[in-house]
Amino acid sequence: KIVSHAKEYGFVFPSSEIYDGLQAVYDYGPYGAELKKNLKDL
């Protein structure tokens, strides 16, 4: 559920998903990028 939530609501996407993805590589979506930046800044 958490993994599905992360994708559906713009936190984490499989990288290169339109090409069926690249194993163990991920992109951070709009809200994921903000959350990760906040954690790094903190």
PDB file of all heavy atoms in Angstrom:
ATOM      1  N   LYS A   1       0.828  -1.209   0.000  1.00  0.00           N
ATOM      2  CA  LYS A   1       0.000   0.000   0.000  1.00  0.00           C
ATOM      3  C   LYS A   1       0.859   1.253   0.000  1.00  0.00           C
ATOM      4  O   LYS A   1       0.558   2.225  -0.700  1.00  0.00           O
ATOM      5  CB  LYS A   1      -0.912   0.009   1.236  1.00  0.00           C
ATOM      6  CG  LYS A   1      -2.047  -0.993   1.203  1.00  0.00           C
ATOM      7  CD  LYS A   1      -2.866  -0.898   2.493  1.00  0.00           C
ATOM      8  CE  LYS A   1      -3.987  -1.902   2.544  1.00  0.00           C
ATOM      9  NZ  LYS A   1      -4.757  -1.799   3.818  1.00  0.00           N
ATOM     10  N   ILE A   2       1.933   1.242   0.792  1.00  0.00           N
ATOM     11  CA  ILE A   2       2.807   2.413   0.878  1.00  0.00           C
ATOM     12  C   ILE A   2       3.505   2.655  -0.454  1.00  0.00           C
ATOM     13  O   ILE A   2       3.587   3.797  -0.930  1.00  0.00           O
ATOM     14  CB  ILE A   2       3.830   2.229   2.019  1.00  0.00           C
ATOM     15  CG1 ILE A   2       3.116   2.249   3.381  1.00  0.00           C
ATOM     16  CG2 ILE A   2       4.905   3.311   1.973  1.00  0.00           C
ATOM     17  CD1 ILE A   2       3.979   1.825   4.547  1.00  0.00           C
ATOM     18  N   VAL A   3       3.993   1.593  -1.078  1.00  0.00           N
ATOM     19  CA  VAL A   3       4.662   1.719  -2.380  1.00  0.00           C
ATOM     20  C   VAL A   3       3.677   2.247  -3.422  1.00  0.00           C
ATOM     21  O   VAL A   3       3.995   3.142  -4.218  1.00  0.00           O
ATOM     22  CB  VAL A   3       5.259   0.372  -2.819  1.00  0.00           C
ATOM     23  CG1 VAL A   3       5.792   0.458  -4.243  1.00  0.00           C
ATOM     24  CG2 VAL A   3       6.367  -0.060  -1.860  1.00  0.00           C
ATOM     25  N   SER A   4       2.464   1.701  -3.427  1.00  0.00           N
ATOM     26  CA  SER A   4       1.436   2.148  -4.361  1.00  0.00           C
ATOM     27  C   SER A   4       1.075   3.613  -4.115  1.00  0.00           C
ATOM     28  O   SER A   4       0.908   4.397  -5.058  1.00  0.00           O
ATOM     29  CB  SER A   4       0.192   1.260  -4.219  1.00  0.00           C
ATOM     30  OG  SER A   4      -0.858   1.716  -5.038  1.00  0.00           O
ATOM     31  N   HIS A   5       0.961   3.980  -2.853  1.00  0.00           N
ATOM     32  CA  HIS A   5       0.641   5.361  -2.481  1.00  0.00           C
ATOM     33  C   HIS A   5       1.718   6.312  -2.980  1.00  0.00           C
ATOM     34  O   HIS A   5       1.423   7.398  -3.503  1.00  0.00           O
ATOM     35  CB  HIS A   5       0.512   5.452  -0.959  1.00  0.00           C
ATOM     36  CG  HIS A   5      -0.061   6.743  -0.478  1.00  0.00           C
ATOM     37  ND1 HIS A   5      -1.385   6.891  -0.123  1.00  0.00           N
ATOM     38  CD2 HIS A   5       0.500   7.973  -0.296  1.00  0.00           C
ATOM     39  CE1 HIS A   5      -1.612   8.127   0.260  1.00  0.00           C
ATOM     40  NE2 HIS A   5      -0.480   8.808   0.168  1.00  0.00           N
ATOM     41  N   ALA A   6       2.973   5.899  -2.830  1.00  0.00           N
ATOM     42  CA  ALA A   6       4.095   6.743  -3.241  1.00  0.00           C
ATOM     43  C   ALA A   6       4.035   7.063  -4.729  1.00  0.00           C
ATOM     44  O   ALA A   6       4.319   8.199  -5.153  1.00  0.00           O
ATOM     45  CB  ALA A   6       5.417   6.060  -2.898  1.00  0.00           C
ATOM     46  N   LYS A   7       3.640   6.084  -5.533  1.00  0.00           N
ATOM     47  CA  LYS A   7       3.552   6.313  -6.972  1.00  0.00           C
ATOM     48  C   LYS A   7       2.306   7.117  -7.339  1.00  0.00           C
ATOM     49  O   LYS A   7       2.377   8.085  -8.103  1.00  0.00           O
ATOM     50  CB  LYS A   7       3.545   4.969  -7.721  1.00  0.00           C
ATOM     51  CG  LYS A   7       3.436   5.148  -9.231  1.00  0.00           C
ATOM     52  CD  LYS A   7       3.374   3.814  -9.965  1.00  0.00           C
ATOM     53  CE  LYS A   7       3.178   4.052 -11.459  1.00  0.00           C
ATOM     54  NZ  LYS A   7       3.042   2.783 -12.208  1.00  0.00           N
ATOM     55  N   GLU A   8       1.166   6.721  -6.770  1.00  0.00           N
ATOM     56  CA  GLU A   8      -0.108   7.337  -7.167  1.00  0.00           C
ATOM     57  C   GLU A   8      -0.174   8.814  -6.812  1.00  0.00           C
ATOM     58  O   GLU A   8      -0.785   9.613  -7.535  1.00  0.00           O
ATOM     59  CB  GLU A   8      -1.265   6.593  -6.504  1.00  0.00           C
ATOM     60  CG  GLU A   8      -2.637   7.086  -6.955  1.00  0.00           C
ATOM     61  CD  GLU A   8      -3.768   6.234  -6.425  1.00  0.00           C
ATOM     62  OE1 GLU A   8      -3.486   5.208  -5.752  1.00  0.00           O
ATOM     63  OE2 GLU A   8      -4.929   6.570  -6.688  1.00  0.00           O
ATOM     64  N   TYR A   9       0.491   9.198  -5.720  1.00  0.00           N
ATOM     65  CA  TYR A   9       0.363  10.578  -5.256  1.00  0.00           C
ATOM     66  C   TYR A   9       1.637  11.403  -5.424  1.00  0.00           C
ATOM     67  O   TYR A   9       1.852  12.395  -4.736  1.00  0.00           O
ATOM     68  CB  TYR A   9      -0.136  10.599  -3.811  1.00  0.00           C
ATOM     69  CG  TYR A   9      -1.541  10.048  -3.737  1.00  0.00           C
ATOM     70  CD1 TYR A   9      -1.777   8.750  -3.304  1.00  0.00           C
ATOM     71  CD2 TYR A   9      -2.629  10.802  -4.181  1.00  0.00           C
ATOM     72  CE1 TYR A   9      -3.059   8.224  -3.292  1.00  0.00           C
ATOM     73  CE2 TYR A   9      -3.909  10.285  -4.172  1.00  0.00           C
ATOM     74  CZ  TYR A   9      -4.123   8.999  -3.727  1.00  0.00           C
ATOM     75  OH  TYR A   9      -5.397   8.481  -3.724  1.00  0.00           O
ATOM     76  N   GLY A  10       2.481  10.984  -6.366  1.00  0.00           N
ATOM     77  CA  GLY A  10       3.563  11.854  -6.812  1.00  0.00           C
ATOM     78  C   GLY A  10       4.780  11.921  -5.916  1.00  0.00           C
ATOM     79  O   GLY A  10       5.471  12.938  -5.884  1.00  0.00           O
ATOM     80  N   PHE A  11       5.075  10.826  -5.204  1.00  0.00           N
ATOM     81  CA  PHE A  11       6.268  10.801  -4.364  1.00  0.00           C
ATOM     82  C   PHE A  11       7.433  10.095  -5.055  1.00  0.00           C
ATOM     83  O   PHE A  11       8.527  10.637  -5.132  1.00  0.00           O
ATOM     84  CB  PHE A  11       5.965  10.130  -3.019  1.00  0.00           C
ATOM     85  CG  PHE A  11       5.163  11.003  -2.085  1.00  0.00           C
ATOM     86  CD1 PHE A  11       3.775  11.010  -2.127  1.00  0.00           C
ATOM     87  CD2 PHE A  11       5.792  11.842  -1.190  1.00  0.00           C
ATOM     88  CE1 PHE A  11       3.030  11.825  -1.286  1.00  0.00           C
ATOM     89  CE2 PHE A  11       5.076  12.667  -0.336  1.00  0.00           C
ATOM     90  CZ  PHE A  11       3.683  12.670  -0.394  1.00  0.00           C
ATOM     91  N   VAL A  12       7.218   8.883  -5.550  1.00  0.00           N
ATOM     92  CA  VAL A  12       8.299   8.119  -6.185  1.00  0.00           C
ATOM     93  C   VAL A  12       7.753   7.384  -7.402  1.00  0.00           C
ATOM     94  O   VAL A  12       6.710   6.721  -7.308  1.00  0.00           O
ATOM     95  CB  VAL A  12       8.920   7.097  -5.208  1.00  0.00           C
ATOM     96  CG1 VAL A  12      10.080   6.356  -5.872  1.00  0.00           C
ATOM     97  CG2 VAL A  12       9.408   7.779  -3.924  1.00  0.00           C
ATOM     98  N   PHE A  13       8.468   7.495  -8.521  1.00  0.00           N
ATOM     99  CA  PHE A  13       8.097   6.790  -9.753  1.00  0.00           C
ATOM    100  C   PHE A  13       9.220   5.832 -10.159  1.00  0.00           C
ATOM    101  O   PHE A  13      10.398   6.146  -9.946  1.00  0.00           O
ATOM    102  CB  PHE A  13       7.898   7.769 -10.925  1.00  0.00           C
ATOM    103  CG  PHE A  13       6.921   8.872 -10.666  1.00  0.00           C
ATOM    104  CD1 PHE A  13       7.231  10.181 -11.027  1.00  0.00           C
ATOM    105  CD2 PHE A  13       5.696   8.631 -10.084  1.00  0.00           C
ATOM    106  CE1 PHE A  13       6.332  11.217 -10.808  1.00  0.00           C
ATOM    107  CE2 PHE A  13       4.790   9.650  -9.855  1.00  0.00           C
ATOM    108  CZ  PHE A  13       5.113  10.949 -10.219  1.00  0.00           C
ATOM    109  N   PRO A  14       8.887   4.691 -10.771  1.00  0.00           N
ATOM    110  CA  PRO A  14       9.940   3.867 -11.375  1.00  0.00           C
ATOM    111  C   PRO A  14      10.632   4.665 -12.484  1.00  0.00           C
ATOM    112  O   PRO A  14       9.972   5.327 -13.282  1.00  0.00           O
ATOM    113  CB  PRO A  14       9.176   2.670 -11.952  1.00  0.00           C
ATOM    114  CG  PRO A  14       7.868   2.652 -11.214  1.00  0.00           C
ATOM    115  CD  PRO A  14       7.551   4.090 -10.905  1.00  0.00           C
ATOM    116  N   SER A  15      11.952   4.617 -12.517  1.00  0.00           N
ATOM    117  CA  SER A  15      12.688   5.384 -13.523  1.00  0.00           C
ATOM    118  C   SER A  15      12.456   4.811 -14.921  1.00  0.00           C
ATOM    119  O   SER A  15      12.351   3.591 -15.081  1.00  0.00           O
ATOM    120  CB  SER A  15      14.186   5.362 -13.206  1.00  0.00           C
ATOM    121  OG  SER A  15      14.913   6.109 -14.148  1.00  0.00           O
ATOM    122  N   SER A  16      12.342   5.684 -15.898  1.00  0.00           N
ATOM    123  CA  SER A  16      12.176   5.280 -17.308  1.00  0.00           C
ATOM    124  C   SER A  16      10.976   4.354 -17.488  1.00  0.00           C
ATOM    125  O   SER A  16      11.018   3.400 -18.271  1.00  0.00           O
ATOM    126  CB  SER A  16      13.434   4.573 -17.832  1.00  0.00           C
ATOM    127  OG  SER A  16      14.606   5.243 -17.449  1.00  0.00           O
ATOM    128  N   GLU A  17       9.900   4.654 -16.790  1.00  0.00           N
ATOM    129  CA  GLU A  17       8.766   3.730 -16.754  1.00  0.00           C
ATOM    130  C   GLU A  17       8.149   3.525 -18.138  1.00  0.00           C
ATOM    131  O   GLU A  17       7.646   2.435 -18.436  1.00  0.00           O
ATOM    132  CB  GLU A  17       7.709   4.225 -15.771  1.00  0.00           C
ATOM    133  CG  GLU A  17       6.607   3.209 -15.531  1.00  0.00           C
ATOM    134  CD  GLU A  17       5.633   3.639 -14.447  1.00  0.00           C
ATOM    135  OE1 GLU A  17       5.577   4.849 -14.141  1.00  0.00           O
ATOM    136  OE2 GLU A  17       4.908   2.775 -13.928  1.00  0.00           O
ATOM    137  N   ILE A  18       8.178   4.528 -18.986  1.00  0.00           N
ATOM    138  CA  ILE A  18       7.584   4.357 -20.323  1.00  0.00           C
ATOM    139  C   ILE A  18       8.363   3.339 -21.152  1.00  0.00           C
ATOM    140  O   ILE A  18       7.859   2.841 -22.160  1.00  0.00           O
ATOM    141  CB  ILE A  18       7.471   5.698 -21.085  1.00  0.00           C
ATOM    142  CG1 ILE A  18       8.847   6.312 -21.346  1.00  0.00           C
ATOM    143  CG2 ILE A  18       6.565   6.671 -20.345  1.00  0.00           C
ATOM    144  CD1 ILE A  18       8.819   7.507 -22.289  1.00  0.00           C
ATOM    145  N   TYR A  19       9.599   3.023 -20.722  1.00  0.00           N
ATOM    146  CA  TYR A  19      10.387   1.966 -21.367  1.00  0.00           C
ATOM    147  C   TYR A  19      10.433   0.713 -20.496  1.00  0.00           C
ATOM    148  O   TYR A  19      11.384  -0.067 -20.557  1.00  0.00           O
ATOM    149  CB  TYR A  19      11.810   2.456 -21.644  1.00  0.00           C
ATOM    150  CG  TYR A  19      11.862   3.585 -22.639  1.00  0.00           C
ATOM    151  CD1 TYR A  19      12.079   4.888 -22.217  1.00  0.00           C
ATOM    152  CD2 TYR A  19      11.659   3.350 -24.000  1.00  0.00           C
ATOM    153  CE1 TYR A  19      12.110   5.940 -23.126  1.00  0.00           C
ATOM    154  CE2 TYR A  19      11.689   4.394 -24.912  1.00  0.00           C
ATOM    155  CZ  TYR A  19      11.911   5.681 -24.472  1.00  0.00           C
ATOM    156  OH  TYR A  19      11.945   6.707 -25.383  1.00  0.00           O
ATOM    157  N   ASP A  20       9.418   0.548 -19.658  1.00  0.00           N
ATOM    158  CA  ASP A  20       9.309  -0.594 -18.748  1.00  0.00           C
ATOM    159  C   ASP A  20      10.289  -0.524 -17.590  1.00  0.00           C
ATOM    160  O   ASP A  20      10.523  -1.523 -16.905  1.00  0.00           O
ATOM    161  CB  ASP A  20       9.472  -1.931 -19.493  1.00  0.00           C
ATOM    162  CG  ASP A  20       8.366  -2.151 -20.521  1.00  0.00           C
ATOM    163  OD1 ASP A  20       7.227  -1.734 -20.242  1.00  0.00           O
ATOM    164  OD2 ASP A  20       8.667  -2.716 -21.586  1.00  0.00           O
ATOM    165  N   GLY A  21      10.866   0.642 -17.352  1.00  0.00           N
ATOM    166  CA  GLY A  21      11.649   0.872 -16.153  1.00  0.00           C
ATOM    167  C   GLY A  21      13.051   0.308 -16.207  1.00  0.00           C
ATOM    168  O   GLY A  21      13.448  -0.406 -17.134  1.00  0.00           O
ATOM    169  N   LEU A  22      13.826   0.678 -15.170  1.00  0.00           N
ATOM    170  CA  LEU A  22      15.182   0.180 -14.986  1.00  0.00           C
ATOM    171  C   LEU A  22      15.247  -0.321 -13.550  1.00  0.00           C
ATOM    172  O   LEU A  22      14.959   0.436 -12.612  1.00  0.00           O
ATOM    173  CB  LEU A  22      16.202   1.305 -15.214  1.00  0.00           C
ATOM    174  CG  LEU A  22      17.677   0.934 -15.139  1.00  0.00           C
ATOM    175  CD1 LEU A  22      18.027  -0.071 -16.245  1.00  0.00           C
ATOM    176  CD2 LEU A  22      18.546   2.174 -15.271  1.00  0.00           C
ATOM    177  N   GLN A  23      15.603  -1.575 -13.386  1.00  0.00           N
ATOM    178  CA  GLN A  23      15.516  -2.205 -12.070  1.00  0.00           C
ATOM    179  C   GLN A  23      16.332  -1.446 -11.024  1.00  0.00           C
ATOM    180  O   GLN A  23      17.487  -1.085 -11.243  1.00  0.00           O
ATOM    181  CB  GLN A  23      16.002  -3.648 -12.138  1.00  0.00           C
ATOM    182  CG  GLN A  23      15.773  -4.408 -10.834  1.00  0.00           C
ATOM    183  CD  GLN A  23      16.287  -5.831 -10.893  1.00  0.00           C
ATOM    184  OE1 GLN A  23      17.076  -6.179 -11.754  1.00  0.00           O
ATOM    185  NE2 GLN A  23      15.848  -6.663  -9.968  1.00  0.00           N
ATOM    186  N   ALA A  24      15.680  -1.205  -9.886  1.00  0.00           N
ATOM    187  CA  ALA A  24      16.327  -0.602  -8.716  1.00  0.00           C
ATOM    188  C   ALA A  24      16.806   0.821  -8.948  1.00  0.00           C
ATOM    189  O   ALA A  24      17.763   1.278  -8.336  1.00  0.00           O
ATOM    190  CB  ALA A  24      17.483  -1.471  -8.243  1.00  0.00           C
ATOM    191  N   VAL A  25      16.146   1.528  -9.849  1.00  0.00           N
ATOM    192  CA  VAL A  25      16.408   2.955 -10.058  1.00  0.00           C
ATOM    193  C   VAL A  25      15.054   3.663 -10.026  1.00  0.00           C
ATOM    194  O   VAL A  25      14.109   3.222 -10.680  1.00  0.00           O
ATOM    195  CB  VAL A  25      17.125   3.228 -11.398  1.00  0.00           C
ATOM    196  CG1 VAL A  25      17.463   4.710 -11.517  1.00  0.00           C
ATOM    197  CG2 VAL A  25      18.388   2.387 -11.522  1.00  0.00           C
ATOM    198  N   TYR A  26      14.971   4.756  -9.269  1.00  0.00           N
ATOM    199  CA  TYR A  26      13.694   5.443  -9.078  1.00  0.00           C
ATOM    200  C   TYR A  26      13.854   6.947  -9.227  1.00  0.00           C
ATOM    201  O   TYR A  26      14.932   7.500  -9.022  1.00  0.00           O
ATOM    202  CB  TYR A  26      13.118   5.140  -7.682  1.00  0.00           C
ATOM    203  CG  TYR A  26      12.670   3.705  -7.516  1.00  0.00           C
ATOM    204  CD1 TYR A  26      13.558   2.734  -7.056  1.00  0.00           C
ATOM    205  CD2 TYR A  26      11.368   3.321  -7.834  1.00  0.00           C
ATOM    206  CE1 TYR A  26      13.146   1.415  -6.919  1.00  0.00           C
ATOM    207  CE2 TYR A  26      10.961   2.006  -7.692  1.00  0.00           C
ATOM    208  CZ  TYR A  26      11.855   1.050  -7.236  1.00  0.00           C
ATOM    209  OH  TYR A  26      11.453  -0.259  -7.105  1.00  0.00           O
ATOM    210  N   ASP A  27      12.751   7.587  -9.623  1.00  0.00           N
ATOM    211  CA  ASP A  27      12.686   9.044  -9.725  1.00  0.00           C
ATOM    212  C   ASP A  27      11.757   9.573  -8.638  1.00  0.00           C
ATOM    213  O   ASP A  27      10.739   8.938  -8.319  1.00  0.00           O
ATOM    214  CB  ASP A  27      12.134   9.468 -11.097  1.00  0.00           C
ATOM    215  CG  ASP A  27      12.988   8.960 -12.254  1.00  0.00           C
ATOM    216  OD1 ASP A  27      14.204   8.790 -12.057  1.00  0.00           O
ATOM    217  OD2 ASP A  27      12.431   8.725 -13.346  1.00  0.00           O
ATOM    218  N   TYR A  28      12.088  10.726  -8.105  1.00  0.00           N
ATOM    219  CA  TYR A  28      11.241  11.357  -7.096  1.00  0.00           C
ATOM    220  C   TYR A  28      10.305  12.346  -7.781  1.00  0.00           C
ATOM    221  O   TYR A  28      10.756  13.221  -8.522  1.00  0.00           O
ATOM    222  CB  TYR A  28      12.092  12.059  -6.036  1.00  0.00           C
ATOM    223  CG  TYR A  28      12.734  11.079  -5.080  1.00  0.00           C
ATOM    224  CD1 TYR A  28      13.924  10.432  -5.403  1.00  0.00           C
ATOM    225  CD2 TYR A  28      12.130  10.764  -3.869  1.00  0.00           C
ATOM    226  CE1 TYR A  28      14.498   9.512  -4.538  1.00  0.00           C
ATOM    227  CE2 TYR A  28      12.699   9.848  -2.988  1.00  0.00           C
ATOM    228  CZ  TYR A  28      13.884   9.221  -3.333  1.00  0.00           C
ATOM    229  OH  TYR A  28      14.441   8.303  -2.479  1.00  0.00           O
ATOM    230  N   GLY A  29       8.999  12.172  -7.536  1.00  0.00           N
ATOM    231  CA  GLY A  29       7.988  13.032  -8.127  1.00  0.00           C
ATOM    232  C   GLY A  29       7.901  14.375  -7.415  1.00  0.00           C
ATOM    233  O   GLY A  29       8.709  14.692  -6.537  1.00  0.00           O
ATOM    234  N   PRO A  30       6.906  15.185  -7.779  1.00  0.00           N
ATOM    235  CA  PRO A  30       6.806  16.550  -7.233  1.00  0.00           C
ATOM    236  C   PRO A  30       6.806  16.607  -5.708  1.00  0.00           C
ATOM    237  O   PRO A  30       7.515  17.426  -5.121  1.00  0.00           O
ATOM    238  CB  PRO A  30       5.474  17.055  -7.803  1.00  0.00           C
ATOM    239  CG  PRO A  30       5.258  16.254  -9.039  1.00  0.00           C
ATOM    240  CD  PRO A  30       5.838  14.903  -8.768  1.00  0.00           C
ATOM    241  N   TYR A  31       6.035  15.747  -5.068  1.00  0.00           N
ATOM    242  CA  TYR A  31       5.961  15.796  -3.605  1.00  0.00           C
ATOM    243  C   TYR A  31       7.113  15.031  -2.961  1.00  0.00           C
ATOM    244  O   TYR A  31       7.590  15.398  -1.891  1.00  0.00           O
ATOM    245  CB  TYR A  31       4.599  15.290  -3.128  1.00  0.00           C
ATOM    246  CG  TYR A  31       3.467  16.051  -3.763  1.00  0.00           C
ATOM    247  CD1 TYR A  31       2.508  15.416  -4.548  1.00  0.00           C
ATOM    248  CD2 TYR A  31       3.387  17.438  -3.629  1.00  0.00           C
ATOM    249  CE1 TYR A  31       1.494  16.133  -5.168  1.00  0.00           C
ATOM    250  CE2 TYR A  31       2.374  18.158  -4.245  1.00  0.00           C
ATOM    251  CZ  TYR A  31       1.436  17.507  -5.015  1.00  0.00           C
ATOM    252  OH  TYR A  31       0.438  18.219  -5.632  1.00  0.00           O
ATOM    253  N   GLY A  32       7.576  13.998  -3.639  1.00  0.00           N
ATOM    254  CA  GLY A  32       8.738  13.271  -3.134  1.00  0.00           C
ATOM    255  C   GLY A  32       9.986  14.118  -3.164  1.00  0.00           C
ATOM    256  O   GLY A  32      10.804  14.090  -2.234  1.00  0.00           O
ATOM    257  N   ALA A  33      10.160  14.890  -4.238  1.00  0.00           N
ATOM    258  CA  ALA A  33      11.337  15.758  -4.337  1.00  0.00           C
ATOM    259  C   ALA A  33      11.344  16.797  -3.220  1.00  0.00           C
ATOM    260  O   ALA A  33      12.387  17.100  -2.633  1.00  0.00           O
ATOM    261  CB  ALA A  33      11.371  16.440  -5.706  1.00  0.00           C
ATOM    262  N   GLU A  34      10.162  17.334  -2.910  1.00  0.00           N
ATOM    263  CA  GLU A  34      10.061  18.326  -1.827  1.00  0.00           C
ATOM    264  C   GLU A  34      10.354  17.690  -0.468  1.00  0.00           C
ATOM    265  O   GLU A  34      11.092  18.253   0.347  1.00  0.00           O
ATOM    266  CB  GLU A  34       8.662  18.954  -1.816  1.00  0.00           C
ATOM    267  CG  GLU A  34       8.399  19.941  -2.940  1.00  0.00           C
ATOM    268  CD  GLU A  34       9.115  21.265  -2.743  1.00  0.00           C
ATOM    269  OE1 GLU A  34       9.545  21.558  -1.605  1.00  0.00           O
ATOM    270  OE2 GLU A  34       9.251  22.008  -3.725  1.00  0.00           O
ATOM    271  N   LEU A  35       9.772  16.518  -0.215  1.00  0.00           N
ATOM    272  CA  LEU A  35       9.981  15.847   1.065  1.00  0.00           C
ATOM    273  C   LEU A  35      11.450  15.476   1.243  1.00  0.00           C
ATOM    274  O   LEU A  35      12.040  15.689   2.316  1.00  0.00           O
ATOM    275  CB  LEU A  35       9.099  14.600   1.158  1.00  0.00           C
ATOM    276  CG  LEU A  35       9.292  13.714   2.399  1.00  0.00           C
ATOM    277  CD1 LEU A  35       9.101  14.505   3.687  1.00  0.00           C
ATOM    278  CD2 LEU A  35       8.347  12.513   2.356  1.00  0.00           C
ATOM    279  N   LYS A  36      12.058  14.947   0.188  1.00  0.00           N
ATOM    280  CA  LYS A  36      13.468  14.560   0.282  1.00  0.00           C
ATOM    281  C   LYS A  36      14.354  15.783   0.506  1.00  0.00           C
ATOM    282  O   LYS A  36      15.300  15.748   1.307  1.00  0.00           O
ATOM    283  CB  LYS A  36      13.890  13.820  -0.989  1.00  0.00           C
ATOM    284  CG  LYS A  36      15.272  13.186  -0.891  1.00  0.00           C
ATOM    285  CD  LYS A  36      15.618  12.441  -2.162  1.00  0.00           C
ATOM    286  CE  LYS A  36      16.971  11.761  -2.049  1.00  0.00           C
ATOM    287  NZ  LYS A  36      17.394  11.130  -3.316  1.00  0.00           N
ATOM    288  N   LYS A  37      14.057  16.868  -0.173  1.00  0.00           N
ATOM    289  CA  LYS A  37      14.831  18.095   0.018  1.00  0.00           C
ATOM    290  C   LYS A  37      14.690  18.607   1.448  1.00  0.00           C
ATOM    291  O   LYS A  37      15.666  19.049   2.065  1.00  0.00           O
ATOM    292  CB  LYS A  37      14.380  19.173  -0.972  1.00  0.00           C
ATOM    293  CG  LYS A  37      15.154  20.483  -0.857  1.00  0.00           C
ATOM    294  CD  LYS A  37      14.665  21.529  -1.830  1.00  0.00           C
ATOM    295  CE  LYS A  37      15.515  22.799  -1.737  1.00  0.00           C
ATOM    296  NZ  LYS A  37      15.522  23.402  -0.384  1.00  0.00           N
ATOM    297  N   ASN A  38      13.477  18.550   1.993  1.00  0.00           N
ATOM    298  CA  ASN A  38      13.263  18.991   3.370  1.00  0.00           C
ATOM    299  C   ASN A  38      14.071  18.153   4.356  1.00  0.00           C
ATOM    300  O   ASN A  38      14.632  18.682   5.322  1.00  0.00           O
ATOM    301  CB  ASN A  38      11.776  18.934   3.726  1.00  0.00           C
ATOM    302  CG  ASN A  38      10.953  19.966   2.974  1.00  0.00           C
ATOM    303  OD1 ASN A  38      11.495  20.923   2.434  1.00  0.00           O
ATOM    304  ND2 ASN A  38       9.652  19.773   2.919  1.00  0.00           N
ATOM    305  N   LEU A  39      14.136  16.851   4.114  1.00  0.00           N
ATOM    306  CA  LEU A  39      14.919  15.974   4.982  1.00  0.00           C
ATOM    307  C   LEU A  39      16.408  16.280   4.878  1.00  0.00           C
ATOM    308  O   LEU A  39      17.121  16.327   5.893  1.00  0.00           O
ATOM    309  CB  LEU A  39      14.655  14.503   4.619  1.00  0.00           C
ATOM    310  CG  LEU A  39      13.289  13.947   5.024  1.00  0.00           C
ATOM    311  CD1 LEU A  39      13.005  12.634   4.295  1.00  0.00           C
ATOM    312  CD2 LEU A  39      13.222  13.728   6.535  1.00  0.00           C
ATOM    313  N   LYS A  40      16.876  16.494   3.655  1.00  0.00           N
ATOM    314  CA  LYS A  40      18.301  16.805   3.469  1.00  0.00           C
ATOM    315  C   LYS A  40      18.652  18.157   4.088  1.00  0.00           C
ATOM    316  O   LYS A  40      19.705  18.303   4.729  1.00  0.00           O
ATOM    317  CB  LYS A  40      18.659  16.781   1.979  1.00  0.00           C
ATOM    318  CG  LYS A  40      18.612  15.391   1.359  1.00  0.00           C
ATOM    319  CD  LYS A  40      19.245  15.335  -0.016  1.00  0.00           C
ATOM    320  CE  LYS A  40      18.515  16.178  -1.034  1.00  0.00           C
ATOM    321  NZ  LYS A  40      19.112  16.071  -2.382  1.00  0.00           N
ATOM    322  N   ASP A  41      17.789  19.132   3.887  1.00  0.00           N
ATOM    323  CA  ASP A  41      18.040  20.457   4.464  1.00  0.00           C
ATOM    324  C   ASP A  41      18.079  20.388   5.986  1.00  0.00           C
ATOM    325  O   ASP A  41      18.916  21.040   6.629  1.00  0.00           O
ATOM    326  CB  ASP A  41      16.959  21.446   4.027  1.00  0.00           C
ATOM    327  CG  ASP A  41      17.094  21.862   2.565  1.00  0.00           C
ATOM    328  OD1 ASP A  41      18.145  21.566   1.955  1.00  0.00           O
ATOM    329  OD2 ASP A  41      16.144  22.471   2.038  1.00  0.00           O
ATOM    330  N   LEU A  42      17.177  19.603   6.557  1.00  0.00           N
ATOM    331  CA  LEU A  42      17.138  19.472   8.013  1.00  0.00           C
ATOM    332  C   LEU A  42      18.418  18.820   8.526  1.00  0.00           C
ATOM    333  O   LEU A  42      18.998  19.271   9.522  1.00  0.00           O
ATOM    334  CB  LEU A  42      15.921  18.646   8.430  1.00  0.00           C
ATOM    335  CG  LEU A  42      15.769  18.412   9.933  1.00  0.00           C
ATOM    336  CD1 LEU A  42      15.473  19.720  10.656  1.00  0.00           C
ATOM    337  CD2 LEU A  42      14.664  17.400  10.209  1.00  0.00           C
TER     338      LEU A  42
END
